[in-house]
Each structure stands twice: as structure tokens, then as C-alpha cells.
Amino acid sequence: MKKGYSKYILLLIVFAVISCAKKGTITGGAKDTLAPKMIGSFPKNMSTNFNGKEIRITFDEYIKLKDLSKQLIISPPMKRQPEVLPSTASKYINIRIKDTLLPNTTYSFNFGKSIQDNNEGNPYQQFKYVFSTGSHIDSLTLGIKVKDAIEKKVADYISIMLYEANDKYNDSVVYKEVPRYVTNTLDSLKLGKFENLKQGKYKLVAIKDVNGNNKFDPKTDKIGFLKDFIKIPNDTIYELELFKEEMSFKAINVSQASASKFTLGYQGNTKDVKINIKKNGEIIPFVMTKLPKKDSLQVWFRGIKGDSLSIDVAKDKFKKTFSLKVKEQKKDSISYSAEQTSNLNFREIFAVNSNIPLSKIDVSKMKLINKDSAEVKFTTEYDEFNQQLKFNFKKEPLEKYNLKIFPGALINFNDKKNDTLTYSFSTNNTTDYGNLKVTLENVKRFPVIVELTTEKGEILATEFSEKSNVINFDLLEPKKYILRLIYDDNKDKLWTPGSFLEQRQSEEVIYFPKEIDVRANWDVEQPFDLSK
């Protein structure tokens, strides 16, 4: 009896444990995936003859506002931004208008994805509240595509603007005034759409509006535009290409950096800039170089202490004279560094960087030998602006090189000689690289620049062609490349951006649609149809 009773008790315990385990698996039900809905507003959405200062919008559940400053688009823009409350979870939104509204105008508040339910963050996609200060709601629409003029991908949050082409319009309004209408690509679309437009003639512009003021600031913003005015209604989907304008040259400031050097801060392009330095009206010699990774020039001078320098800077329409009181400061110490530290790829040129520009180079005091101690013939080329001495020679595969630069081979601007410099580097086998042959099809015009870049746009290899449709990239490092072509219309071997004031578009860029995989010891032949 005791044995059977014990078994009975054991079974009861087992069933109890199983029952408790089942209770523990109960969940809170299906996840909420529904977006909130508007259930009412005052005044009603799409109201006419609006003359109030406050709008209240009510929803069917608690909502929160996320990234409202980025997502909310008010068109036409208001000079004084309205107040949107509350900032905490609520079932309503209050909009308090602080600006004077234009007469007979349709206003839209597009909230993008900013309105979300409070629990799960499900967005109320592209919710719009619209009203008119006149007797009717404007209802015309316009679709716009945006792309970048040089980069493969276009940035998020591109503002697209329409300016009325009336008798007051001129091209300076994009710098000074807000547009009549504005929309935005937000963070997921490359297509913008205008709604609630009024019939008329307009200037169409797109801006990466860094400052968020609905105006074009060339120092920070990219811009794209159509040269001709457009008319609304219009069912054309226009495409705008954004570019960063090249700023006109302007010298900003002068500052002494060492005993024999001052820096000149600038904006724009320094090509063809002219500088004169005078002491007591007498011109003194100098050397001008680039300060790496900075928008500054380095200007080197000799043996001046306690005197004032007059520095004339001129380029195109810019002219300015700076005054600099030379103070006693430390001299620059000498340093040299190799551009390549151990491995030299076949497409590279071995180079030595000097922190002080060189004034004399004696090749007879330099020796380049291979692993068999045999001398290798070479020539040098000095890039003064970048303070870089380049060594040109025939590279052999699987070779080790040793470069010795003996004392006195290099004399810098301060008349200081180098100590012995030794650099060792080697090459890989040619089978460690791949070759790419690009055949251009349907080229519209020459010359062209053909480039291989990284995904981020860093240029890895470039070729220039004035007539040939076949472009060879030999001995490439194995990796995936982005291929693009530039129609070099001004023949300067560089991509040239456009200009809004000149109403000039950027030089045309065409990307090959896929990455090109170059592998070691492979020959890749790639047709590039430019008509697509």
C-alpha cells in the first residue's frame, strides 16, 4: 500500500510541475504593427478660408514625435517656425502659428515619418495637414528625381524648391529668400513630390540644406537646378544633379607659424594665385607650398626678424594686402618620410616627403640598389608645392630595393643638409595583380577621364583619353572597383563642378552599373556602354 501510495503522490507532483511550466509560456499576445490614425482635427484637414493661429489634431492612440526637425516639411516655408506640441506622449498635436500667413495660399504640413505610436514606434507615413487662406485648395503636383553629379549615391534630406518666376525674380533669390514651395526627399527616398501647387511659372532648385534655413549657402551646401523655367501644371518628372560649387578664391588670414614661415588661410582654388612679399618696399624671395589636409598655404622666407612684412595676394578679381609683424620663433626642425614604407605597388611611384621645401637636389649623392647589390638607374622629379621628391625607375617583380641618400644630397630652404637617409622596400610578383581592359561603347565626345574608385569615391586609378575607346588598367591590386567616366569638356583632366550664377551644369559623369571584381593573375575585359 505504501509503495502504491508513493507512486500516486509522485504522479501528482509531475502533473503539477507540467501545469506550472505551461502557465509560464503565456505571452502578451501579437506585437502591435498598426500605425496610429488621425480621428479628427480642428479646423478640419483641407479647410479653406483659414485665419486662425492654432491647429489641434487628434489620434486614436498615444503618439510620440521623432526627428520632427528633420521630418516636418512646411510648404510654403514660414519665416517664423510654428510651435508643435506636446513633446511628450499624447493623443493630440497642437500647432501654434507664429508667422503672418500669405493670402490665397495653400499650406501643407507634411510630417514625414515623425508621428509614431508610443509603444512600438510604428510610423504614420507621410501624414499631411493642409489648409488654405483662400477659397480653394490648390491641387497640382510635380515629381522630381535627384542624383549627385559626381558621387554614386545621393545624400539624404535633399530640399527641393520652387521659386515663382515673376517680375521680381533673379538668380540671387536662392541666396536671400525662402522659396514659394518646398519638399524633401527625407531619409529613404530619392524622389521628391510637390503637392498642392498653384498654376504658374517657376524656377526649380534642389539643395542639400546643411543649415536648414531654406537658402543656398555655397560654403556648405550642394545645389542642383534646371536652367529653364518650368510651368505648372506639368506631368514631366525632372531630374536634378547636385554639386558642390568651387568657391571663388579668397585669402582669409595670415599667421606666423615658425621663424621662417607663415600660413595663409584661403577658400577656393589656389591655382594661378599670385603672392608678393615686401620688406620696407623691397621684394623678398619666398617659396609657397601646400599645408597638408588644410585649406592653408605655407609661405617660406629667410632671415627676417623684428620687421613687418607686406603681403600682396591676388587672383582673378580678388586682391588684398596683409601686414605681418615677424616675431622671434623656433626654427623648423628637419624631417623626411617615405610615402611607401615597405611594399611598392607597380602603379605607385616611390617618394620621399620633406617637411621643409628643398632648394637643391644632388642625384650623384644617391644610390638605389637591388637585392643583388646591383645599381638601378633612376631619375628624380621634385613636386615643390607638395614638398615631395619622386623616384622613377623600372620596377622588377619580386625584387628588394635599398635607397640611400647620402649627406648633402638634399639642401632645404633653410640651407640645412640632410644626414644619411636609408629606405628599403620591395615589390610583389606580377601574378599578384590583375589587369582590366575597358572598352568604351557609344562615346558621345572626347576627351574623357576614366576612373576606378572605392565605394566611397576615393580615386584608385585614372586614365585620360583623347581618342581611344580602349582603356587599359594594368597591374591593379585585387579588389572590387567602381568604374566611372567623365566627359572632360574643358580638357583640364579634372572633373569640373557647375555654377548656379553662371547657370552652368557640372561635367557629365556616367557610372558602370556594377562593381568590377579584379582578382590576382586575372585579365578582365569589360565593355562599358555609355548610351544606357
Protein backbone atom coordinates (compact mmCIF):
# COMPACT_ATOMS: atom_id res chain seq x y z
CA MET A 1 0.00 0.00 0.00
CA LYS A 2 2.74 2.40 0.91
CA LYS A 3 4.53 1.69 -2.35
CA GLY A 4 1.41 2.38 -4.49
CA TYR A 5 0.59 5.49 -2.48
CA SER A 6 4.09 6.83 -3.09
CA LYS A 7 3.68 6.36 -6.85
CA TYR A 8 0.37 8.23 -6.73
CA ILE A 9 1.94 11.18 -4.91
CA LEU A 10 4.83 11.25 -7.43
CA LEU A 11 2.41 11.42 -10.40
CA LEU A 12 0.58 14.35 -8.79
CA ILE A 13 3.85 16.26 -8.39
CA VAL A 14 4.80 15.63 -12.05
CA PHE A 15 1.42 16.91 -13.31
CA ALA A 16 1.71 19.98 -11.10
CA VAL A 17 5.16 20.84 -12.49
CA ILE A 18 3.96 20.41 -16.09
CA SER A 19 0.95 22.61 -15.36
CA CYS A 20 3.18 25.35 -13.92
CA ALA A 21 5.52 25.12 -16.92
CA LYS A 22 2.62 25.64 -19.32
CA LYS A 23 1.46 28.72 -17.42
CA GLY A 24 4.95 30.20 -17.78
CA THR A 25 4.84 30.12 -21.60
CA ILE A 26 1.91 32.54 -21.91
CA THR A 27 2.94 35.72 -23.77
CA GLY A 28 1.39 39.16 -24.08
CA GLY A 29 -0.16 38.45 -27.47
CA ALA A 30 0.72 39.57 -31.01
CA LYS A 31 3.00 42.55 -31.44
CA ASP A 32 1.30 45.82 -32.41
CA THR A 33 2.20 46.61 -36.02
CA LEU A 34 -0.52 49.16 -36.77
CA ALA A 35 0.26 52.83 -37.22
CA PRO A 36 -1.76 55.47 -35.38
CA LYS A 37 -4.63 57.15 -37.21
CA MET A 38 -6.00 60.68 -37.16
CA ILE A 39 -9.57 60.67 -35.86
CA GLY A 40 -10.20 64.40 -36.06
CA SER A 41 -8.79 67.89 -36.27
CA PHE A 42 -9.83 71.47 -35.66
CA PRO A 43 -10.03 73.15 -38.07
CA LYS A 44 -10.72 70.14 -40.31
CA ASN A 45 -8.00 68.92 -42.63
CA MET A 46 -8.31 70.56 -46.09
CA SER A 47 -10.09 73.61 -44.66
CA THR A 48 -10.41 76.82 -46.69
CA ASN A 49 -10.53 80.49 -45.63
CA PHE A 50 -8.24 79.67 -42.71
CA ASN A 51 -7.44 82.67 -40.50
CA GLY A 52 -6.58 81.08 -37.16
CA LYS A 53 -3.38 80.72 -35.16
CA GLU A 54 -3.79 77.24 -33.68
CA ILE A 55 -4.48 73.75 -35.06
CA ARG A 56 -5.33 70.67 -32.99
CA ILE A 57 -5.00 67.15 -34.47
CA THR A 58 -6.32 64.13 -32.52
CA PHE A 59 -5.24 60.48 -32.91
CA ASP A 60 -6.72 57.10 -31.92
CA GLU A 61 -3.84 56.22 -29.56
CA TYR A 62 -0.90 57.78 -27.77
CA ILE A 63 1.71 59.04 -30.21
CA LYS A 64 5.22 60.49 -29.98
CA LEU A 65 7.12 62.78 -32.33
CA LYS A 66 10.52 61.56 -33.54
CA ASP A 67 13.07 63.66 -35.51
CA LEU A 68 10.43 66.32 -36.09
CA SER A 69 13.02 68.97 -37.07
CA LYS A 70 14.20 66.75 -39.95
CA GLN A 71 10.91 65.14 -40.95
CA LEU A 72 8.42 68.03 -40.84
CA ILE A 73 8.17 69.91 -44.14
CA ILE A 74 6.09 73.10 -44.20
CA SER A 75 5.27 74.45 -47.64
CA PRO A 76 5.42 77.35 -48.33
CA PRO A 77 8.13 77.80 -45.67
CA MET A 78 7.37 80.15 -42.80
CA LYS A 79 9.89 82.78 -41.69
CA ARG A 80 8.96 82.12 -38.06
CA GLN A 81 8.70 78.41 -37.37
CA PRO A 82 5.44 77.28 -35.75
CA GLU A 83 5.47 75.64 -32.32
CA VAL A 84 4.47 71.96 -32.39
CA LEU A 85 3.40 70.48 -29.02
CA PRO A 86 3.47 68.42 -26.89
CA SER A 87 6.96 66.93 -26.82
CA THR A 88 5.82 64.01 -24.66
CA ALA A 89 3.46 61.12 -25.47
CA SER A 90 -0.09 62.36 -26.15
CA LYS A 91 -3.20 61.65 -28.21
CA TYR A 92 -3.09 65.04 -29.89
CA ILE A 93 -0.76 67.53 -31.63
CA ASN A 94 -1.10 71.29 -31.25
CA ILE A 95 0.36 73.59 -33.92
CA ARG A 96 0.73 77.23 -32.93
CA ILE A 97 1.35 79.50 -35.92
CA LYS A 98 3.65 82.47 -35.22
CA ASP A 99 4.04 83.82 -38.77
CA THR A 100 1.79 86.04 -40.87
CA LEU A 101 0.19 83.79 -43.47
CA LEU A 102 0.08 84.74 -47.15
CA PRO A 103 -3.35 85.46 -48.65
CA ASN A 104 -4.97 82.97 -51.07
CA THR A 105 -2.28 80.39 -50.37
CA THR A 106 -2.46 76.65 -49.73
CA TYR A 107 -0.24 75.48 -46.84
CA SER A 108 0.77 71.89 -46.16
CA PHE A 109 2.37 70.33 -43.09
CA ASN A 110 3.96 67.02 -44.12
CA PHE A 111 5.09 65.16 -41.00
CA GLY A 112 7.06 62.51 -42.93
CA LYS A 113 7.67 59.59 -40.54
CA SER A 114 7.81 61.69 -37.38
CA ILE A 115 4.41 60.64 -35.95
CA GLN A 116 4.76 57.20 -34.32
CA ASP A 117 2.73 55.16 -31.85
CA ASN A 118 4.17 55.46 -28.37
CA ASN A 119 4.66 51.74 -27.66
CA GLU A 120 6.12 50.14 -30.79
CA GLY A 121 7.20 53.17 -32.85
CA ASN A 122 5.02 52.34 -35.88
CA PRO A 123 5.12 55.46 -38.09
CA TYR A 124 2.13 57.24 -39.60
CA GLN A 125 3.73 57.52 -43.04
CA GLN A 126 3.68 60.91 -44.78
CA PHE A 127 0.75 62.33 -42.80
CA LYS A 128 -0.23 65.74 -44.17
CA TYR A 129 -2.35 68.50 -42.74
CA VAL A 130 -3.45 71.01 -45.40
CA PHE A 131 -5.37 74.28 -45.29
CA SER A 132 -5.86 77.34 -47.49
CA THR A 133 -6.11 81.01 -46.60
CA GLY A 134 -8.21 81.40 -49.74
CA SER A 135 -11.44 79.93 -51.05
CA HIS A 136 -9.98 76.74 -52.54
CA ILE A 137 -7.20 74.16 -52.06
CA ASP A 138 -4.51 74.17 -54.74
CA SER A 139 -4.15 70.61 -56.05
CA LEU A 140 -1.46 70.48 -58.76
CA THR A 141 1.51 68.11 -58.31
CA LEU A 142 5.08 67.72 -59.62
CA GLY A 143 7.54 64.79 -59.31
CA ILE A 144 11.32 65.32 -59.04
CA LYS A 145 14.27 62.90 -59.08
CA VAL A 146 17.61 63.84 -57.52
CA LYS A 147 21.10 62.45 -58.01
CA ASP A 148 24.65 63.52 -57.22
CA ALA A 149 26.68 64.97 -60.09
CA ILE A 150 29.91 63.13 -59.14
CA GLU A 151 29.17 60.67 -56.32
CA LYS A 152 27.39 57.39 -56.94
CA LYS A 153 24.96 57.85 -54.06
CA VAL A 154 22.97 60.96 -53.27
CA ALA A 155 22.69 62.21 -49.68
CA ASP A 156 19.50 62.01 -47.63
CA TYR A 157 17.29 65.00 -46.83
CA ILE A 158 17.58 66.95 -50.08
CA SER A 159 15.35 70.04 -50.15
CA ILE A 160 13.60 70.65 -53.47
CA MET A 161 12.35 74.18 -54.05
CA LEU A 162 10.18 76.17 -56.40
CA TYR A 163 10.62 79.95 -56.77
CA GLU A 164 7.96 81.99 -58.54
CA ALA A 165 9.30 83.29 -61.87
CA ASN A 166 7.64 86.67 -61.67
CA ASP A 167 8.97 90.17 -62.46
CA LYS A 168 10.82 90.23 -59.11
CA TYR A 169 12.76 87.01 -59.74
CA ASN A 170 16.51 86.98 -60.26
CA ASP A 171 19.10 84.29 -59.53
CA SER A 172 20.16 85.92 -56.27
CA VAL A 173 16.86 84.99 -54.57
CA VAL A 174 18.15 81.47 -53.76
CA TYR A 175 20.77 83.09 -51.52
CA LYS A 176 18.45 85.58 -49.81
CA GLU A 177 14.82 84.43 -49.88
CA VAL A 178 12.87 81.30 -48.97
CA PRO A 179 11.11 79.57 -51.88
CA ARG A 180 7.40 79.62 -52.65
CA TYR A 181 7.19 75.84 -52.26
CA VAL A 182 9.49 73.25 -50.71
CA THR A 183 9.52 69.47 -50.36
CA ASN A 184 12.17 67.00 -49.23
CA THR A 185 13.44 63.54 -50.14
CA LEU A 186 13.75 62.73 -46.41
CA ASP A 187 15.91 59.75 -45.43
CA SER A 188 14.61 56.98 -47.66
CA LEU A 189 13.53 58.46 -50.97
CA LYS A 190 15.44 59.83 -53.95
CA LEU A 191 12.18 61.06 -55.44
CA GLY A 192 10.54 64.22 -54.20
CA LYS A 193 6.94 65.16 -54.85
CA PHE A 194 5.27 68.54 -54.71
CA GLU A 195 1.56 68.62 -53.91
CA ASN A 196 -0.96 71.42 -53.52
CA LEU A 197 0.78 73.60 -56.09
CA LYS A 198 -0.69 76.64 -57.78
CA GLN A 199 -0.62 77.10 -61.55
CA GLY A 200 2.30 79.25 -62.67
CA LYS A 201 5.91 79.51 -63.87
CA TYR A 202 8.74 78.54 -61.51
CA LYS A 203 12.49 78.10 -61.07
CA LEU A 204 13.29 74.57 -59.89
CA VAL A 205 16.22 74.11 -57.48
CA ALA A 206 17.46 71.34 -55.16
CA ILE A 207 19.75 71.99 -52.18
CA LYS A 208 21.48 69.87 -49.55
CA ASP A 209 20.48 72.45 -46.96
CA VAL A 210 23.09 71.96 -44.24
CA ASN A 211 21.98 74.99 -42.22
CA GLY A 212 18.26 74.19 -42.57
CA ASN A 213 17.31 77.77 -43.48
CA ASN A 214 15.80 77.13 -46.95
CA LYS A 215 18.52 79.28 -48.54
CA PHE A 216 21.61 78.40 -50.59
CA ASP A 217 24.94 78.80 -48.80
CA PRO A 218 27.74 77.94 -51.28
CA LYS A 219 30.23 77.37 -48.46
CA THR A 220 28.32 74.38 -47.09
CA ASP A 221 25.51 73.38 -49.46
CA LYS A 222 25.31 71.38 -52.66
CA ILE A 223 22.91 72.66 -55.31
CA GLY A 224 21.18 71.36 -58.43
CA PHE A 225 18.93 73.29 -60.81
CA LEU A 226 17.16 73.41 -64.15
CA LYS A 227 18.40 76.19 -66.40
CA ASP A 228 14.98 76.95 -67.88
CA PHE A 229 11.82 77.86 -66.00
CA ILE A 230 9.09 75.23 -65.77
CA LYS A 231 5.33 75.65 -65.98
CA ILE A 232 2.76 74.08 -63.69
CA PRO A 233 0.66 72.00 -64.47
CA ASN A 234 3.30 69.64 -65.83
CA ASP A 235 3.47 65.84 -65.83
CA THR A 236 7.24 65.68 -66.54
CA ILE A 237 9.43 64.11 -63.84
CA TYR A 238 12.54 66.30 -63.83
CA GLU A 239 15.97 65.12 -62.64
CA LEU A 240 18.32 67.44 -60.76
CA GLU A 241 22.06 66.79 -60.25
CA LEU A 242 23.59 68.17 -57.07
CA PHE A 243 27.13 69.51 -56.91
CA LYS A 244 29.34 71.50 -54.55
CA GLU A 245 30.35 74.72 -56.25
CA GLU A 246 34.02 75.62 -56.45
CA MET A 247 34.33 78.73 -54.34
CA SER A 248 35.97 81.82 -55.79
CA PHE A 249 39.46 82.27 -54.38
CA LYS A 250 39.71 84.37 -51.26
CA ALA A 251 42.64 84.77 -48.86
CA ILE A 252 41.29 84.83 -45.31
CA ASN A 253 44.15 85.35 -42.86
CA VAL A 254 47.91 85.33 -42.36
CA SER A 255 49.62 83.85 -39.30
CA GLN A 256 53.29 83.31 -38.45
CA ALA A 257 53.96 79.59 -37.89
CA SER A 258 57.74 79.48 -37.27
CA ALA A 259 60.89 81.58 -37.57
CA SER A 260 60.82 81.44 -41.37
CA LYS A 261 57.26 80.50 -42.28
CA PHE A 262 53.76 81.91 -42.20
CA THR A 263 50.49 80.29 -43.20
CA LEU A 264 47.89 81.83 -45.48
CA GLY A 265 44.34 80.59 -44.93
CA TYR A 266 42.11 80.62 -48.02
CA GLN A 267 38.98 79.34 -49.68
CA GLY A 268 38.63 78.21 -53.29
CA ASN A 269 41.33 77.06 -55.71
CA THR A 270 44.91 78.30 -55.35
CA LYS A 271 45.88 77.64 -58.98
CA ASP A 272 47.46 80.78 -60.51
CA VAL A 273 47.34 82.73 -57.23
CA LYS A 274 50.00 85.45 -57.13
CA ILE A 275 51.83 86.49 -53.96
CA ASN A 276 54.38 89.25 -53.41
CA ILE A 277 56.21 89.82 -50.14
CA LYS A 278 57.85 93.15 -49.37
CA LYS A 279 60.01 94.42 -46.53
CA ASN A 280 60.31 98.20 -46.44
CA GLY A 281 59.08 98.29 -50.04
CA GLU A 282 61.70 95.80 -51.25
CA ILE A 283 60.54 92.47 -52.71
CA ILE A 284 61.99 89.45 -50.88
CA PRO A 285 62.22 85.84 -52.18
CA PHE A 286 59.94 83.11 -50.85
CA VAL A 287 58.64 79.60 -51.58
CA MET A 288 54.96 78.69 -51.43
CA THR A 289 53.79 75.15 -50.59
CA LYS A 290 50.59 73.39 -49.54
CA LEU A 291 49.84 72.67 -45.89
CA PRO A 292 48.68 69.01 -45.96
CA LYS A 293 44.99 68.38 -45.24
CA LYS A 294 44.29 72.07 -44.57
CA ASP A 295 42.91 74.98 -46.59
CA SER A 296 46.15 76.86 -46.00
CA LEU A 297 49.33 77.68 -47.87
CA GLN A 298 52.79 77.70 -46.29
CA VAL A 299 54.96 80.64 -47.31
CA TRP A 300 58.65 80.28 -46.51
CA PHE A 301 61.05 83.25 -46.20
CA ARG A 302 64.62 83.75 -44.95
CA GLY A 303 66.40 85.76 -42.28
CA ILE A 304 63.82 88.33 -41.21
CA LYS A 305 63.49 89.27 -37.54
CA GLY A 306 61.55 92.07 -35.95
CA ASP A 307 60.42 93.54 -39.27
CA SER A 308 56.97 93.94 -40.74
CA LEU A 309 56.12 92.23 -43.99
CA SER A 310 53.63 93.49 -46.55
CA ILE A 311 51.98 90.52 -48.29
CA ASP A 312 50.05 91.10 -51.54
CA VAL A 313 47.68 88.29 -52.60
CA ALA A 314 45.83 88.35 -55.92
CA LYS A 315 43.83 86.04 -58.13
CA ASP A 316 41.16 86.95 -60.67
CA LYS A 317 39.05 89.68 -59.04
CA PHE A 318 40.46 89.14 -55.56
CA LYS A 319 43.18 91.49 -54.29
CA LYS A 320 44.25 92.06 -50.72
CA THR A 321 47.31 93.20 -48.77
CA PHE A 322 48.12 91.71 -45.38
CA SER A 323 50.59 93.01 -42.83
CA LEU A 324 52.65 90.63 -40.66
CA LYS A 325 54.95 91.57 -37.79
CA VAL A 326 57.67 88.88 -37.76
CA LYS A 327 58.36 87.70 -34.21
CA GLU A 328 61.22 85.59 -32.93
CA GLN A 329 60.10 81.96 -33.00
CA LYS A 330 61.62 78.48 -33.16
CA LYS A 331 63.05 77.25 -36.42
CA ASP A 332 61.53 74.24 -38.15
CA SER A 333 63.41 71.01 -37.43
CA ILE A 334 64.23 68.81 -40.43
CA SER A 335 62.34 65.58 -41.05
CA TYR A 336 61.94 63.23 -44.00
CA SER A 337 59.50 60.36 -44.51
CA ALA A 338 58.79 57.81 -47.22
CA GLU A 339 55.38 57.78 -48.90
CA GLN A 340 55.56 53.96 -49.06
CA THR A 341 57.07 52.18 -46.07
CA SER A 342 57.63 48.56 -47.13
CA ASN A 343 55.76 47.43 -50.25
CA LEU A 344 55.78 49.32 -53.55
CA ASN A 345 52.94 48.51 -55.94
CA PHE A 346 53.68 48.62 -59.64
CA ARG A 347 51.31 51.53 -60.24
CA GLU A 348 52.96 53.62 -57.50
CA ILE A 349 55.97 55.93 -57.56
CA PHE A 350 58.34 55.80 -54.61
CA ALA A 351 58.52 59.23 -52.97
CA VAL A 352 60.19 60.98 -50.04
CA ASN A 353 58.37 63.79 -48.24
CA SER A 354 60.23 66.71 -46.69
CA ASN A 355 58.70 68.93 -44.03
CA ILE A 356 60.75 71.87 -45.38
CA PRO A 357 60.88 72.57 -49.13
CA LEU A 358 64.09 71.60 -50.91
CA SER A 359 66.26 74.15 -52.71
CA LYS A 360 68.96 71.81 -54.10
CA ILE A 361 68.97 68.12 -55.06
CA ASP A 362 72.22 66.27 -55.89
CA VAL A 363 71.38 62.92 -57.52
CA SER A 364 75.09 61.92 -57.55
CA LYS A 365 74.85 61.52 -53.76
CA MET A 366 72.05 58.97 -54.01
CA LYS A 367 72.20 55.24 -54.74
CA LEU A 368 69.44 52.73 -55.49
CA ILE A 369 70.45 49.04 -55.42
CA ASN A 370 68.52 45.77 -55.73
CA LYS A 371 68.82 42.59 -53.67
CA ASP A 372 71.91 41.55 -55.68
CA SER A 373 73.56 44.87 -54.79
CA ALA A 374 73.40 45.93 -58.43
CA GLU A 375 72.77 49.62 -59.05
CA VAL A 376 69.39 50.56 -60.51
CA LYS A 377 69.15 53.59 -62.76
CA PHE A 378 66.62 56.20 -61.70
CA THR A 379 65.55 59.78 -62.26
CA THR A 380 64.01 62.23 -59.82
CA GLU A 381 61.15 64.67 -60.05
CA TYR A 382 60.52 67.29 -57.36
CA ASP A 383 56.98 68.46 -56.59
CA GLU A 384 57.71 71.69 -54.72
CA PHE A 385 54.10 72.57 -53.96
CA ASN A 386 53.62 69.26 -52.10
CA GLN A 387 57.25 69.05 -50.89
CA GLN A 388 57.69 65.59 -52.38
CA LEU A 389 60.71 64.06 -54.16
CA LYS A 390 59.70 61.26 -56.56
CA PHE A 391 61.97 58.47 -57.82
CA ASN A 392 61.25 56.98 -61.24
CA PHE A 393 62.78 53.62 -62.19
CA LYS A 394 61.85 50.34 -63.86
CA LYS A 395 60.35 48.04 -61.24
CA GLU A 396 61.05 44.32 -61.39
CA PRO A 397 58.81 41.66 -59.83
CA LEU A 398 59.79 40.02 -56.52
CA GLU A 399 62.61 42.49 -56.07
CA LYS A 400 64.02 44.15 -52.98
CA TYR A 401 65.37 47.68 -53.19
CA ASN A 402 67.52 49.83 -50.95
CA LEU A 403 67.72 53.59 -51.46
CA LYS A 404 70.49 55.57 -49.79
CA ILE A 405 70.50 59.35 -49.77
CA PHE A 406 73.93 60.44 -48.53
CA PRO A 407 74.71 63.65 -46.55
CA GLY A 408 74.41 66.80 -48.62
CA ALA A 409 72.22 65.23 -51.32
CA LEU A 410 69.32 67.37 -50.15
CA ILE A 411 69.60 71.01 -49.12
CA ASN A 412 66.41 72.59 -47.84
CA PHE A 413 65.11 76.12 -48.00
CA ASN A 414 66.90 76.97 -44.73
CA ASP A 415 70.25 75.81 -46.23
CA LYS A 416 70.36 72.74 -43.98
CA LYS A 417 71.80 69.48 -45.36
CA ASN A 418 70.38 66.04 -44.76
CA ASP A 419 72.03 63.28 -42.76
CA THR A 420 72.19 59.80 -44.31
CA LEU A 421 68.69 58.55 -45.20
CA THR A 422 68.03 54.87 -45.92
CA TYR A 423 64.80 53.38 -47.26
CA SER A 424 64.10 49.72 -48.02
CA PHE A 425 61.09 48.45 -49.94
CA SER A 426 60.10 45.55 -52.16
CA THR A 427 57.77 44.58 -55.00
CA ASN A 428 55.35 41.67 -55.36
CA ASN A 429 55.09 39.29 -58.29
CA THR A 430 53.08 40.49 -61.29
CA THR A 431 50.84 37.45 -60.78
CA ASP A 432 49.70 39.06 -57.51
CA TYR A 433 47.89 41.71 -59.57
CA GLY A 434 45.09 41.76 -62.11
CA ASN A 435 44.60 43.60 -65.40
CA LEU A 436 41.46 45.40 -66.53
CA LYS A 437 40.70 46.34 -70.13
CA VAL A 438 37.74 48.71 -70.53
CA THR A 439 36.19 49.11 -73.99
CA LEU A 440 34.08 52.25 -74.28
CA GLU A 441 30.96 51.97 -76.43
CA ASN A 442 28.85 54.85 -77.77
CA VAL A 443 31.17 57.62 -76.57
CA LYS A 444 29.48 60.98 -77.27
CA ARG A 445 32.67 63.05 -77.36
CA PHE A 446 36.31 63.22 -76.33
CA PRO A 447 38.38 63.78 -74.23
CA VAL A 448 37.24 61.53 -71.39
CA ILE A 449 38.57 60.64 -67.95
CA VAL A 450 38.08 57.02 -66.89
CA GLU A 451 38.44 56.34 -63.16
CA LEU A 452 38.41 53.40 -60.78
CA THR A 453 37.21 54.31 -57.29
CA THR A 454 36.23 52.81 -53.97
CA GLU A 455 32.58 52.67 -52.88
CA LYS A 456 33.17 55.96 -51.06
CA GLY A 457 34.53 57.68 -54.19
CA GLU A 458 38.27 57.59 -53.40
CA ILE A 459 40.13 57.54 -56.73
CA LEU A 460 42.41 54.49 -57.02
CA ALA A 461 43.39 54.68 -60.70
CA THR A 462 42.72 57.11 -63.53
CA GLU A 463 43.36 57.27 -67.29
CA PHE A 464 42.84 60.11 -69.77
CA SER A 465 41.87 59.51 -73.39
CA GLU A 466 41.63 62.00 -76.24
CA LYS A 467 40.54 59.49 -78.90
CA SER A 468 40.97 55.84 -77.88
CA ASN A 469 37.98 53.72 -76.91
CA VAL A 470 40.20 51.14 -75.22
CA ILE A 471 41.42 51.95 -71.70
CA ASN A 472 43.94 49.64 -70.00
CA PHE A 473 44.42 49.45 -66.24
CA ASP A 474 47.36 47.11 -65.76
CA LEU A 475 48.71 45.63 -62.52
CA LEU A 476 45.78 46.54 -60.29
CA GLU A 477 45.57 45.40 -56.70
CA PRO A 478 42.97 42.62 -56.34
CA LYS A 479 39.70 44.15 -55.11
CA LYS A 480 36.28 45.34 -56.28
CA TYR A 481 36.29 48.64 -58.16
CA ILE A 482 33.68 51.24 -59.09
CA LEU A 483 34.11 52.36 -62.73
CA ARG A 484 33.07 55.81 -63.93
CA LEU A 485 33.63 58.05 -66.94
CA ILE A 486 33.82 61.86 -67.01
CA TYR A 487 33.30 63.89 -70.17
CA ASP A 488 36.16 66.37 -69.72
CA ASP A 489 34.66 69.23 -71.73
CA ASN A 490 37.16 71.89 -70.58
CA LYS A 491 40.11 69.48 -71.13
CA ASP A 492 41.77 70.13 -67.78
CA LYS A 493 41.91 66.40 -66.83
CA LEU A 494 39.72 67.06 -63.78
CA TRP A 495 36.01 66.86 -63.05
CA THR A 496 34.63 70.40 -63.04
CA PRO A 497 31.50 71.20 -60.99
CA GLY A 498 28.81 73.57 -62.20
CA SER A 499 27.93 77.12 -61.20
CA PHE A 500 24.48 78.41 -60.29
CA LEU A 501 25.15 82.06 -61.10
CA GLU A 502 26.65 81.08 -64.47
CA GLN A 503 23.74 78.65 -64.97
CA ARG A 504 26.33 76.03 -65.94
CA GLN A 505 25.91 72.34 -65.17
CA SER A 506 28.72 70.07 -63.97
CA GLU A 507 30.72 67.95 -66.38
CA GLU A 508 28.79 64.77 -67.10
CA VAL A 509 29.63 61.63 -65.12
CA ILE A 510 28.45 58.11 -66.03
CA TYR A 511 28.84 55.10 -63.72
CA PHE A 512 29.14 51.50 -64.78
CA PRO A 513 26.13 49.84 -63.07
CA LYS A 514 28.03 47.06 -61.23
CA GLU A 515 31.22 46.65 -59.24
CA ILE A 516 34.11 45.16 -61.20
CA ASP A 517 35.90 42.32 -59.44
CA VAL A 518 39.61 42.27 -60.31
CA ARG A 519 41.41 39.22 -58.99
CA ALA A 520 45.07 38.23 -58.81
CA ASN A 521 46.51 36.85 -62.07
CA TRP A 522 43.26 37.60 -63.94
CA ASP A 523 42.67 39.56 -67.13
CA VAL A 524 39.26 41.21 -67.14
CA GLU A 525 37.72 42.67 -70.30
CA GLN A 526 34.78 44.94 -69.60
CA PRO A 527 32.60 46.67 -72.22
CA PHE A 528 31.17 49.99 -70.96
CA ASP A 529 28.07 51.10 -72.89
CA LEU A 530 27.70 54.85 -72.31
CA SER A 531 24.32 55.11 -74.02
CA LYS A 532 22.49 53.41 -71.14
